[in-house]
């Protein structure tokens, strides 16, 4: 005996909903996989050594960059380590979210030419348990996105050791 038309519509609707749910779950899964490939250092851990230093080991991503989650003044940010940047460079939208004070204007040389950025001072910058205070930085109104360039005003205070796909950040006590 054939099913009534209303039951057939309900059955088709349920199959469609199951298909949509499966696609949604697959999308969430692959978003996490892609984010892990982009930033393999979402939760950097700190190793403490008896010689009086602590270190964080970062893994290079597929684009050969070192990205890591860290903090500025206790707020989570995404850092892109950039030894070519003189100071920590913060996109203006991130600086606004962090309530950083915009200081004096200064000229900065970039790959795209000379731009005007604004000096600021960060109370605390941290990656894992490596913490530095009073770090010079600039607010860059031309940067898009959420990535903060972690420049030499932070990195020069650490020992950097490159080992294959790993970068060791070492802070002496």
Protein backbone atom coordinates (compact mmCIF):
# COMPACT_ATOMS: atom_id res chain seq x y z
CA UNK A 1 0.00 0.00 0.00
CA UNK A 2 1.56 3.37 -1.04
CA UNK A 3 2.40 6.02 1.56
CA UNK A 4 0.20 9.10 1.66
CA UNK A 5 1.64 12.19 -0.05
CA UNK A 6 1.92 14.09 3.25
CA UNK A 7 4.10 11.33 4.76
CA UNK A 8 6.29 11.29 1.64
CA UNK A 9 6.84 15.07 1.98
CA UNK A 10 7.75 14.67 5.65
CA UNK A 11 10.20 11.88 4.76
CA UNK A 12 11.87 14.01 2.06
CA UNK A 13 12.04 16.95 4.46
CA UNK A 14 13.72 14.81 7.13
CA UNK A 15 16.28 13.49 4.62
CA UNK A 16 17.02 17.06 3.48
CA UNK A 17 17.46 18.22 7.10
CA UNK A 18 19.81 15.31 7.86
CA UNK A 19 21.85 16.16 4.76
CA UNK A 20 22.09 19.83 5.81
CA UNK A 21 23.13 18.82 9.35
CA UNK A 22 25.87 16.54 7.99
CA UNK A 23 27.16 19.32 5.72
CA UNK A 24 27.20 21.74 8.66
CA UNK A 25 29.17 19.32 10.84
CA UNK A 26 31.67 18.64 8.03
CA UNK A 27 32.09 22.39 7.52
CA UNK A 28 32.85 22.92 11.23
CA UNK A 29 35.33 20.04 11.22
CA UNK A 30 37.23 21.27 8.16
CA UNK A 31 37.24 24.87 9.46
CA UNK A 32 39.07 23.60 12.55
CA UNK A 33 41.51 21.58 10.44
CA UNK A 34 42.29 24.60 8.25
CA UNK A 35 42.71 26.90 11.27
CA UNK A 36 45.11 24.38 12.86
CA UNK A 37 47.17 24.38 9.65
CA UNK A 38 47.16 28.19 9.55
CA UNK A 39 48.04 28.57 13.25
CA UNK A 40 49.53 25.42 14.77
CA UNK A 41 50.37 27.41 17.92
CA UNK A 42 46.92 28.23 19.29
CA UNK A 43 47.91 27.25 22.82
CA UNK A 44 51.66 27.75 23.23
CA UNK A 45 53.12 26.02 26.27
CA UNK A 46 56.08 27.14 28.33
CA UNK A 47 58.96 24.93 29.44
CA UNK A 48 60.91 25.99 32.53
CA UNK A 49 64.59 25.11 32.77
CA UNK A 50 66.76 24.84 35.87
CA UNK A 51 69.37 27.08 34.19
CA UNK A 52 67.05 30.03 34.87
CA UNK A 53 65.23 30.46 31.60
CA UNK A 54 61.87 29.59 30.14
CA UNK A 55 61.01 28.89 26.55
CA UNK A 56 58.13 28.51 24.16
CA UNK A 57 58.50 26.39 21.02
CA UNK A 58 56.54 27.48 17.96
CA UNK A 59 55.83 25.34 14.89
CA UNK A 60 56.03 26.90 11.43
CA UNK A 61 52.77 26.80 9.47
CA UNK A 62 52.32 25.55 5.90
CA UNK A 63 53.10 29.04 4.56
CA UNK A 64 56.43 28.94 6.46
CA UNK A 65 55.32 31.63 8.92
CA UNK A 66 55.24 31.55 12.68
CA UNK A 67 51.76 32.44 13.90
CA UNK A 68 50.76 32.09 17.52
CA UNK A 69 48.04 33.08 19.87
CA UNK A 70 49.25 35.44 22.56
CA UNK A 71 48.05 38.34 24.63
CA UNK A 72 48.32 42.10 24.72
CA UNK A 73 47.36 43.55 28.10
CA UNK A 74 45.58 40.28 28.95
CA UNK A 75 43.48 40.17 25.75
CA UNK A 76 43.90 37.38 23.18
CA UNK A 77 45.48 38.35 19.86
CA UNK A 78 46.99 36.55 16.88
CA UNK A 79 50.71 37.29 16.43
CA UNK A 80 52.70 36.90 13.22
CA UNK A 81 56.39 36.92 14.15
CA UNK A 82 58.20 39.44 11.95
CA UNK A 83 61.91 40.00 12.49
CA UNK A 84 61.79 42.63 9.74
CA UNK A 85 59.46 44.86 11.75
CA UNK A 86 61.22 47.33 14.04
CA UNK A 87 58.34 47.46 16.53
CA UNK A 88 55.18 45.53 17.25
CA UNK A 89 52.69 46.74 14.62
CA UNK A 90 49.01 46.60 15.50
CA UNK A 91 46.12 47.02 13.04
CA UNK A 92 44.02 50.02 14.04
CA UNK A 93 40.87 47.91 14.52
CA UNK A 94 42.74 45.65 16.98
CA UNK A 95 44.24 48.67 18.78
CA UNK A 96 40.73 50.11 19.19
CA UNK A 97 39.45 46.80 20.59
CA UNK A 98 42.36 46.77 23.06
CA UNK A 99 41.80 50.44 24.00
CA UNK A 100 45.40 51.36 23.17
CA UNK A 101 46.27 55.05 23.28
CA UNK A 102 47.17 56.58 19.94
CA UNK A 103 50.34 58.60 20.44
CA UNK A 104 52.45 60.79 18.20
CA UNK A 105 52.44 60.15 14.47
CA UNK A 106 55.58 58.69 12.92
CA UNK A 107 56.63 57.71 9.42
CA UNK A 108 57.21 54.04 8.71
CA UNK A 109 58.81 52.39 5.68
CA UNK A 110 56.82 49.42 4.37
CA UNK A 111 57.01 47.30 1.25
CA UNK A 112 54.26 49.55 -0.15
CA UNK A 113 56.07 52.80 0.65
CA UNK A 114 56.08 55.34 3.46
CA UNK A 115 53.01 55.49 5.72
CA UNK A 116 52.00 57.32 8.89
CA UNK A 117 51.55 55.16 11.99
CA UNK A 118 51.02 56.17 15.62
CA UNK A 119 53.28 55.37 18.55
CA UNK A 120 51.87 53.47 21.49
CA UNK A 121 53.19 51.62 24.52
CA UNK A 122 51.92 48.17 25.48
CA UNK A 123 51.84 47.43 29.20
CA UNK A 124 52.25 43.67 28.72
CA UNK A 125 52.85 41.33 25.78
CA UNK A 126 52.86 37.58 26.36
CA UNK A 127 53.24 34.29 24.53
CA UNK A 128 52.65 31.38 26.86
CA UNK A 129 54.39 32.37 30.11
CA UNK A 130 56.92 34.62 28.37
CA UNK A 131 55.90 38.14 29.40
CA UNK A 132 57.45 41.48 28.61
CA UNK A 133 56.36 44.86 29.95
CA UNK A 134 56.51 48.33 28.43
CA UNK A 135 56.85 47.19 24.82
CA UNK A 136 57.07 49.87 22.12
CA UNK A 137 54.53 49.49 19.35
CA UNK A 138 52.79 51.30 16.55
CA UNK A 139 49.15 51.52 15.56
CA UNK A 140 48.86 51.04 11.82
CA UNK A 141 45.66 52.39 10.23
CA UNK A 142 46.57 50.72 6.91
CA UNK A 143 46.76 47.14 8.19
CA UNK A 144 43.71 44.98 7.64
CA UNK A 145 42.74 41.85 9.50
CA UNK A 146 43.51 40.70 13.01
CA UNK A 147 47.18 39.72 12.83
CA UNK A 148 49.56 41.73 15.00
CA UNK A 149 53.12 41.85 13.64
CA UNK A 150 55.35 40.87 16.53
CA UNK A 151 58.42 42.92 15.72
CA UNK A 152 61.85 43.44 17.19
CA UNK A 153 60.76 45.70 20.07
CA UNK A 154 59.53 42.42 21.58
CA UNK A 155 61.74 39.79 19.91
CA UNK A 156 65.11 41.48 20.61
CA UNK A 157 64.57 40.86 24.32
CA UNK A 158 64.51 37.09 23.74
CA UNK A 159 66.89 34.50 22.37
CA UNK A 160 65.58 33.03 19.11
CA UNK A 161 66.70 29.56 18.02
CA UNK A 162 65.59 28.27 14.61
CA UNK A 163 65.56 24.44 14.35
CA UNK A 164 63.97 23.07 11.19
CA UNK A 165 60.23 23.81 11.40
CA UNK A 166 60.54 25.05 14.99
CA UNK A 167 61.37 28.39 16.50
CA UNK A 168 62.37 28.47 20.15
CA UNK A 169 61.67 31.71 22.03
CA UNK A 170 63.81 31.80 25.16
CA UNK A 171 63.49 34.32 28.00
CA UNK A 172 66.27 34.47 30.57
CA UNK A 173 65.28 35.32 34.16
